Amino acid sequence: MVISQSEYYISPEEYLEGEKVSEIKHEYIDGQVYAMAGASDAHVTVVGNLFVLLRNHLRGSGCRVYMLDMKAQIDIINRYFYPDVMVTCDTRDKEFDYFKCHPSLIIEVLSESTEGYDRGKKFASYRHLESLQEYVLISPDRMSVECFRRNQDGHWVLYPYEKGEEVHLASVDFRCAMPTAGYTYAEIYENVILVDENFPNPTFLDRFLKH
């Protein structure tokens, strides 16, 4: 979540050195740095669940999973982002300690303030990564996973998944279920209270029943 923007040009080298000591993370877009704000409990929990699921799935495969603090470099357009979750299976990325250049999978967990950007300009930037096979957007409060997958012609095709379906991330051959009932869900949404669109928000209902 962006909270402020710098007012003068910063080189990529200055940005990378600054991030090593900065208490606040910044994303970098062509000479400008943008400070990142914190995330909600649901957002952080979903990211953690995804990291554990993918880490366990990919153990021993040679692929590496990163969350929150690892940058993705898009050198061709001079940008650095912090994906919520990123997977790289390219051995060339072992050369870089503070960023990765060849991810095959990037996942962003949405928030109200960044959803439009994640769907629009950020996705447009990520598409410059030739290695990227899938870009996934996940709602933190509704059971919704949108997987944009690059096909053989280089076009991006949307594969949406909702409750009762099985999520498939083909780039890493990962599958997990999306259950159909209850407020606490396993897998991606474990320990997350979701909004049921057919019923009042559980928090509101709890308050109503107490009166």
C-alpha atoms as a PDB file:
ATOM      1  CA  MET A   1       0.000   0.000   0.000  1.00  0.00           C
ATOM      2  CA  VAL A   2       1.574   3.293  -1.112  1.00  0.00           C
ATOM      3  CA  ILE A   3       1.619   6.080   1.486  1.00  0.00           C
ATOM      4  CA  SER A   4       4.062   8.628   0.057  1.00  0.00           C
ATOM      5  CA  GLN A   5       6.235   9.448  -2.942  1.00  0.00           C
ATOM      6  CA  SER A   6       9.736  10.895  -3.143  1.00  0.00           C
ATOM      7  CA  GLU A   7      10.232  14.286  -4.803  1.00  0.00           C
ATOM      8  CA  TYR A   8      13.504  13.757  -6.671  1.00  0.00           C
ATOM      9  CA  TYR A   9      15.142  11.191  -8.936  1.00  0.00           C
ATOM     10  CA  ILE A  10      16.823   8.226  -7.255  1.00  0.00           C
ATOM     11  CA  SER A  11      18.999   5.804  -9.198  1.00  0.00           C
ATOM     12  CA  PRO A  12      18.368   2.056  -8.931  1.00  0.00           C
ATOM     13  CA  GLU A  13      21.675   1.669  -7.121  1.00  0.00           C
ATOM     14  CA  GLU A  14      20.737   4.333  -4.549  1.00  0.00           C
ATOM     15  CA  TYR A  15      17.340   2.718  -4.079  1.00  0.00           C
ATOM     16  CA  LEU A  16      18.770  -0.763  -3.479  1.00  0.00           C
ATOM     17  CA  GLU A  17      21.330   0.509  -0.977  1.00  0.00           C
ATOM     18  CA  GLY A  18      18.698   2.559   0.815  1.00  0.00           C
ATOM     19  CA  GLU A  19      16.337  -0.395   1.152  1.00  0.00           C
ATOM     20  CA  LYS A  20      19.006  -2.386   2.996  1.00  0.00           C
ATOM     21  CA  VAL A  21      18.838   0.016   5.948  1.00  0.00           C
ATOM     22  CA  SER A  22      15.356   1.520   5.647  1.00  0.00           C
ATOM     23  CA  GLU A  23      12.809   0.738   8.375  1.00  0.00           C
ATOM     24  CA  ILE A  24      10.045   1.256   5.784  1.00  0.00           C
ATOM     25  CA  LYS A  25       9.809  -0.707   2.541  1.00  0.00           C
ATOM     26  CA  HIS A  26       9.598   1.243  -0.713  1.00  0.00           C
ATOM     27  CA  GLU A  27       8.682   0.239  -4.237  1.00  0.00           C
ATOM     28  CA  TYR A  28      10.621   1.845  -7.082  1.00  0.00           C
ATOM     29  CA  ILE A  29       9.196   3.141 -10.361  1.00  0.00           C
ATOM     30  CA  ASP A  30      11.604   4.765 -12.814  1.00  0.00           C
ATOM     31  CA  GLY A  31      13.476   6.991 -10.376  1.00  0.00           C
ATOM     32  CA  GLN A  32      10.722   7.519  -7.829  1.00  0.00           C
ATOM     33  CA  VAL A  33      10.275   5.603  -4.561  1.00  0.00           C
ATOM     34  CA  TYR A  34       6.937   4.946  -2.900  1.00  0.00           C
ATOM     35  CA  ALA A  35       6.707   4.066   0.788  1.00  0.00           C
ATOM     36  CA  MET A  36       4.561   1.080   1.696  1.00  0.00           C
ATOM     37  CA  ALA A  37       2.005   1.041   4.499  1.00  0.00           C
ATOM     38  CA  GLY A  38       1.035  -1.898   6.679  1.00  0.00           C
ATOM     39  CA  ALA A  39      -1.525  -4.592   5.880  1.00  0.00           C
ATOM     40  CA  SER A  40      -4.585  -6.025   7.627  1.00  0.00           C
ATOM     41  CA  ASP A  41      -4.644  -9.184   9.741  1.00  0.00           C
ATOM     42  CA  ALA A  42      -6.526 -11.046   6.982  1.00  0.00           C
ATOM     43  CA  HIS A  43      -4.051  -9.905   4.339  1.00  0.00           C
ATOM     44  CA  VAL A  44      -1.017 -11.029   6.322  1.00  0.00           C
ATOM     45  CA  THR A  45      -2.675 -14.331   7.273  1.00  0.00           C
ATOM     46  CA  VAL A  46      -3.541 -15.208   3.666  1.00  0.00           C
ATOM     47  CA  VAL A  47       0.021 -14.379   2.582  1.00  0.00           C
ATOM     48  CA  GLY A  48       1.426 -16.573   5.343  1.00  0.00           C
ATOM     49  CA  ASN A  49      -0.884 -19.444   4.423  1.00  0.00           C
ATOM     50  CA  LEU A  50       0.149 -19.233   0.789  1.00  0.00           C
ATOM     51  CA  PHE A  51       3.833 -19.188   1.678  1.00  0.00           C
ATOM     52  CA  VAL A  52       3.530 -22.309   3.831  1.00  0.00           C
ATOM     53  CA  LEU A  53       1.425 -24.175   1.272  1.00  0.00           C
ATOM     54  CA  LEU A  54       3.762 -23.387  -1.612  1.00  0.00           C
ATOM     55  CA  ARG A  55       6.926 -23.929   0.434  1.00  0.00           C
ATOM     56  CA  ASN A  56       5.771 -27.398   1.447  1.00  0.00           C
ATOM     57  CA  HIS A  57       4.655 -28.198  -2.091  1.00  0.00           C
ATOM     58  CA  LEU A  58       7.941 -27.098  -3.673  1.00  0.00           C
ATOM     59  CA  ARG A  59      10.344 -28.506  -1.087  1.00  0.00           C
ATOM     60  CA  GLY A  60      13.161 -30.332  -2.872  1.00  0.00           C
ATOM     61  CA  SER A  61      12.169 -29.026  -6.314  1.00  0.00           C
ATOM     62  CA  GLY A  62      14.820 -26.325  -6.629  1.00  0.00           C
ATOM     63  CA  CYS A  63      12.158 -23.602  -6.700  1.00  0.00           C
ATOM     64  CA  ARG A  64      12.219 -20.868  -4.038  1.00  0.00           C
ATOM     65  CA  VAL A  65       9.223 -19.150  -2.447  1.00  0.00           C
ATOM     66  CA  TYR A  66       9.429 -15.606  -1.076  1.00  0.00           C
ATOM     67  CA  MET A  67       6.911 -13.448   0.771  1.00  0.00           C
ATOM     68  CA  LEU A  68       6.584  -9.714   1.458  1.00  0.00           C
ATOM     69  CA  ASP A  69      10.263  -8.730   1.841  1.00  0.00           C
ATOM     70  CA  MET A  70      11.793  -9.893  -1.450  1.00  0.00           C
ATOM     71  CA  LYS A  71      11.758  -7.543  -4.429  1.00  0.00           C
ATOM     72  CA  ALA A  72      10.945  -8.409  -8.036  1.00  0.00           C
ATOM     73  CA  GLN A  73      13.121  -6.502 -10.491  1.00  0.00           C
ATOM     74  CA  ILE A  74      11.637  -5.488 -13.848  1.00  0.00           C
ATOM     75  CA  ASP A  75      14.811  -4.178 -15.394  1.00  0.00           C
ATOM     76  CA  ILE A  76      13.429  -3.354 -18.839  1.00  0.00           C
ATOM     77  CA  ILE A  77      11.148  -0.652 -17.379  1.00  0.00           C
ATOM     78  CA  ASN A  78      13.314   0.238 -14.352  1.00  0.00           C
ATOM     79  CA  ARG A  79      11.008  -0.957 -11.567  1.00  0.00           C
ATOM     80  CA  TYR A  80      11.154  -2.886  -8.318  1.00  0.00           C
ATOM     81  CA  PHE A  81       8.089  -4.219  -6.511  1.00  0.00           C
ATOM     82  CA  TYR A  82       7.513  -6.240  -3.350  1.00  0.00           C
ATOM     83  CA  PRO A  83       5.087  -9.029  -4.350  1.00  0.00           C
ATOM     84  CA  ASP A  84       3.108 -10.570  -1.518  1.00  0.00           C
ATOM     85  CA  VAL A  85       4.273 -14.015  -2.672  1.00  0.00           C
ATOM     86  CA  MET A  86       6.746 -14.854  -5.432  1.00  0.00           C
ATOM     87  CA  VAL A  87       8.153 -18.118  -6.762  1.00  0.00           C
ATOM     88  CA  THR A  88      11.279 -18.446  -8.888  1.00  0.00           C
ATOM     89  CA  CYS A  89      12.625 -21.695 -10.297  1.00  0.00           C
ATOM     90  CA  ASP A  90      15.403 -20.056 -12.321  1.00  0.00           C
ATOM     91  CA  THR A  91      18.932 -20.801 -11.084  1.00  0.00           C
ATOM     92  CA  ARG A  92      20.085 -17.358 -12.253  1.00  0.00           C
ATOM     93  CA  ASP A  93      18.130 -15.802  -9.397  1.00  0.00           C
ATOM     94  CA  LYS A  94      20.517 -17.384  -6.885  1.00  0.00           C
ATOM     95  CA  GLU A  95      22.986 -14.654  -7.858  1.00  0.00           C
ATOM     96  CA  PHE A  96      20.839 -11.883  -6.366  1.00  0.00           C
ATOM     97  CA  ASP A  97      20.394 -11.495  -2.623  1.00  0.00           C
ATOM     98  CA  TYR A  98      17.973  -8.555  -2.507  1.00  0.00           C
ATOM     99  CA  PHE A  99      15.801  -9.037  -5.604  1.00  0.00           C
ATOM    100  CA  LYS A 100      14.773 -11.678  -8.128  1.00  0.00           C
ATOM    101  CA  CYS A 101      14.614 -11.209 -11.885  1.00  0.00           C
ATOM    102  CA  HIS A 102      12.999 -14.389 -13.237  1.00  0.00           C
ATOM    103  CA  PRO A 103       9.875 -15.292 -11.220  1.00  0.00           C
ATOM    104  CA  SER A 104       7.429 -17.785 -12.702  1.00  0.00           C
ATOM    105  CA  LEU A 105       4.586 -17.001 -10.267  1.00  0.00           C
ATOM    106  CA  ILE A 106       3.582 -13.762  -8.538  1.00  0.00           C
ATOM    107  CA  ILE A 107       0.660 -13.472  -6.121  1.00  0.00           C
ATOM    108  CA  GLU A 108      -0.846 -10.249  -4.779  1.00  0.00           C
ATOM    109  CA  VAL A 109      -3.437 -10.197  -1.996  1.00  0.00           C
ATOM    110  CA  LEU A 110      -5.852  -7.361  -2.658  1.00  0.00           C
ATOM    111  CA  SER A 111      -6.792  -4.419  -0.452  1.00  0.00           C
ATOM    112  CA  GLU A 112      -9.307  -1.626  -1.003  1.00  0.00           C
ATOM    113  CA  SER A 113      -6.592   0.960  -1.580  1.00  0.00           C
ATOM    114  CA  THR A 114      -4.455  -1.064  -4.001  1.00  0.00           C
ATOM    115  CA  GLU A 115      -6.883  -3.319  -5.883  1.00  0.00           C
ATOM    116  CA  GLY A 116      -7.192  -1.031  -8.905  1.00  0.00           C
ATOM    117  CA  TYR A 117      -3.427  -0.614  -9.126  1.00  0.00           C
ATOM    118  CA  ASP A 118      -2.762  -4.349  -8.711  1.00  0.00           C
ATOM    119  CA  ARG A 119      -5.215  -5.125 -11.505  1.00  0.00           C
ATOM    120  CA  GLY A 120      -4.039  -2.342 -13.785  1.00  0.00           C
ATOM    121  CA  LYS A 121      -0.642  -0.659 -13.824  1.00  0.00           C
ATOM    122  CA  LYS A 122       1.149  -3.180 -11.626  1.00  0.00           C
ATOM    123  CA  PHE A 123      -0.061  -6.113 -13.722  1.00  0.00           C
ATOM    124  CA  ALA A 124       1.001  -4.224 -16.854  1.00  0.00           C
ATOM    125  CA  SER A 125       4.478  -3.857 -15.344  1.00  0.00           C
ATOM    126  CA  TYR A 126       4.714  -7.508 -14.328  1.00  0.00           C
ATOM    127  CA  ARG A 127       3.822  -8.582 -17.871  1.00  0.00           C
ATOM    128  CA  HIS A 128       7.258  -7.346 -18.973  1.00  0.00           C
ATOM    129  CA  LEU A 129       8.794 -10.284 -17.087  1.00  0.00           C
ATOM    130  CA  GLU A 130       9.396 -12.920 -19.753  1.00  0.00           C
ATOM    131  CA  SER A 131       9.681 -15.650 -17.113  1.00  0.00           C
ATOM    132  CA  LEU A 132       6.297 -14.906 -15.543  1.00  0.00           C
ATOM    133  CA  GLN A 133       3.732 -17.621 -16.254  1.00  0.00           C
ATOM    134  CA  GLU A 134       0.982 -16.726 -13.773  1.00  0.00           C
ATOM    135  CA  TYR A 135      -0.190 -13.618 -11.944  1.00  0.00           C
ATOM    136  CA  VAL A 136      -2.683 -14.303  -9.157  1.00  0.00           C
ATOM    137  CA  LEU A 137      -4.998 -11.901  -7.317  1.00  0.00           C
ATOM    138  CA  ILE A 138      -6.588 -13.087  -4.080  1.00  0.00           C
ATOM    139  CA  SER A 139      -9.319 -11.434  -2.055  1.00  0.00           C
ATOM    140  CA  PRO A 140      -8.577 -11.432   1.697  1.00  0.00           C
ATOM    141  CA  ASP A 141     -12.238 -11.265   2.766  1.00  0.00           C
ATOM    142  CA  ARG A 142     -14.148 -13.224   0.102  1.00  0.00           C
ATOM    143  CA  MET A 143     -13.339 -16.644  -1.310  1.00  0.00           C
ATOM    144  CA  SER A 144     -12.019 -15.482  -4.656  1.00  0.00           C
ATOM    145  CA  VAL A 145      -8.812 -16.406  -6.484  1.00  0.00           C
ATOM    146  CA  GLU A 146      -8.167 -14.963  -9.951  1.00  0.00           C
ATOM    147  CA  CYS A 147      -5.331 -16.580 -11.853  1.00  0.00           C
ATOM    148  CA  PHE A 148      -4.085 -14.863 -15.000  1.00  0.00           C
ATOM    149  CA  ARG A 149      -2.111 -17.445 -16.981  1.00  0.00           C
ATOM    150  CA  ARG A 150       0.067 -16.760 -20.030  1.00  0.00           C
ATOM    151  CA  ASN A 151      -0.823 -19.104 -22.891  1.00  0.00           C
ATOM    152  CA  GLN A 152       1.375 -20.414 -25.708  1.00  0.00           C
ATOM    153  CA  ASP A 153       0.590 -17.346 -27.810  1.00  0.00           C
ATOM    154  CA  GLY A 154       1.711 -14.986 -25.049  1.00  0.00           C
ATOM    155  CA  HIS A 155      -1.825 -13.896 -24.217  1.00  0.00           C
ATOM    156  CA  TRP A 156      -3.059 -13.715 -20.630  1.00  0.00           C
ATOM    157  CA  VAL A 157      -6.140 -15.819 -19.868  1.00  0.00           C
ATOM    158  CA  LEU A 158      -8.182 -15.471 -16.675  1.00  0.00           C
ATOM    159  CA  TYR A 159      -8.989 -18.584 -14.622  1.00  0.00           C
ATOM    160  CA  PRO A 160     -11.256 -17.555 -11.720  1.00  0.00           C
ATOM    161  CA  TYR A 161     -11.806 -19.826  -8.720  1.00  0.00           C
ATOM    162  CA  GLU A 162     -14.526 -19.500  -6.080  1.00  0.00           C
ATOM    163  CA  LYS A 163     -15.794 -21.532  -3.115  1.00  0.00           C
ATOM    164  CA  GLY A 164     -16.390 -25.188  -3.884  1.00  0.00           C
ATOM    165  CA  GLU A 165     -13.731 -25.250  -6.607  1.00  0.00           C
ATOM    166  CA  GLU A 166     -10.138 -26.459  -6.747  1.00  0.00           C
ATOM    167  CA  VAL A 167      -7.474 -23.825  -7.301  1.00  0.00           C
ATOM    168  CA  HIS A 168      -4.827 -24.833  -9.823  1.00  0.00           C
ATOM    169  CA  LEU A 169      -1.591 -22.907 -10.252  1.00  0.00           C
ATOM    170  CA  ALA A 170      -0.124 -24.554 -13.319  1.00  0.00           C
ATOM    171  CA  SER A 171       3.220 -22.735 -13.152  1.00  0.00           C
ATOM    172  CA  VAL A 172       4.161 -24.777 -10.073  1.00  0.00           C
ATOM    173  CA  ASP A 173       1.624 -27.617 -10.469  1.00  0.00           C
ATOM    174  CA  PHE A 174      -0.072 -26.672  -7.189  1.00  0.00           C
ATOM    175  CA  ARG A 175      -3.663 -27.521  -6.280  1.00  0.00           C
ATOM    176  CA  CYS A 176      -5.781 -26.779  -3.220  1.00  0.00           C
ATOM    177  CA  ALA A 177      -9.467 -26.873  -2.346  1.00  0.00           C
ATOM    178  CA  MET A 178     -11.806 -23.949  -1.684  1.00  0.00           C
ATOM    179  CA  PRO A 179     -14.438 -25.292   0.801  1.00  0.00           C
ATOM    180  CA  THR A 180     -18.082 -24.318   0.616  1.00  0.00           C
ATOM    181  CA  ALA A 181     -19.241 -23.547   4.157  1.00  0.00           C
ATOM    182  CA  GLY A 182     -18.231 -22.058   7.515  1.00  0.00           C
ATOM    183  CA  TYR A 183     -16.411 -18.912   8.555  1.00  0.00           C
ATOM    184  CA  THR A 184     -13.009 -20.523   9.128  1.00  0.00           C
ATOM    185  CA  TYR A 185     -11.500 -22.214   6.100  1.00  0.00           C
ATOM    186  CA  ALA A 186      -8.555 -24.507   5.545  1.00  0.00           C
ATOM    187  CA  GLU A 187      -5.780 -24.045   3.009  1.00  0.00           C
ATOM    188  CA  ILE A 188      -5.505 -20.478   1.641  1.00  0.00           C
ATOM    189  CA  TYR A 189      -8.104 -19.002   4.026  1.00  0.00           C
ATOM    190  CA  GLU A 190      -7.171 -20.834   7.212  1.00  0.00           C
ATOM    191  CA  ASN A 191      -7.815 -18.621  10.301  1.00  0.00           C
ATOM    192  CA  VAL A 192      -9.437 -15.912   8.176  1.00  0.00           C
ATOM    193  CA  ILE A 193     -13.008 -14.741   8.796  1.00  0.00           C
ATOM    194  CA  LEU A 194     -14.644 -14.237   5.419  1.00  0.00           C
ATOM    195  CA  VAL A 195     -17.659 -12.203   4.396  1.00  0.00           C
ATOM    196  CA  ASP A 196     -20.580 -14.406   3.382  1.00  0.00           C
ATOM    197  CA  GLU A 197     -22.356 -12.469   0.639  1.00  0.00           C
ATOM    198  CA  ASN A 198     -25.622 -14.253   1.444  1.00  0.00           C
ATOM    199  CA  PHE A 199     -25.616 -13.329   5.144  1.00  0.00           C
ATOM    200  CA  PRO A 200     -24.648 -10.363   7.321  1.00  0.00           C
ATOM    201  CA  ASN A 201     -21.032  -9.842   8.212  1.00  0.00           C
ATOM    202  CA  PRO A 202     -20.275 -12.141  11.224  1.00  0.00           C
ATOM    203  CA  THR A 203     -18.921  -9.214  13.226  1.00  0.00           C
ATOM    204  CA  PHE A 204     -22.111  -7.219  12.673  1.00  0.00           C
ATOM    205  CA  LEU A 205     -24.252 -10.274  13.477  1.00  0.00           C
ATOM    206  CA  ASP A 206     -22.395 -10.882  16.713  1.00  0.00           C
ATOM    207  CA  ARG A 207     -23.005  -7.287  17.799  1.00  0.00           C
ATOM    208  CA  PHE A 208     -26.694  -7.534  16.878  1.00  0.00           C
ATOM    209  CA  LEU A 209     -27.202 -10.728  18.890  1.00  0.00           C
ATOM    210  CA  LYS A 210     -25.655  -9.173  21.993  1.00  0.00           C
ATOM    211  CA  HIS A 211     -28.394  -6.511  22.218  1.00  0.00           C
END
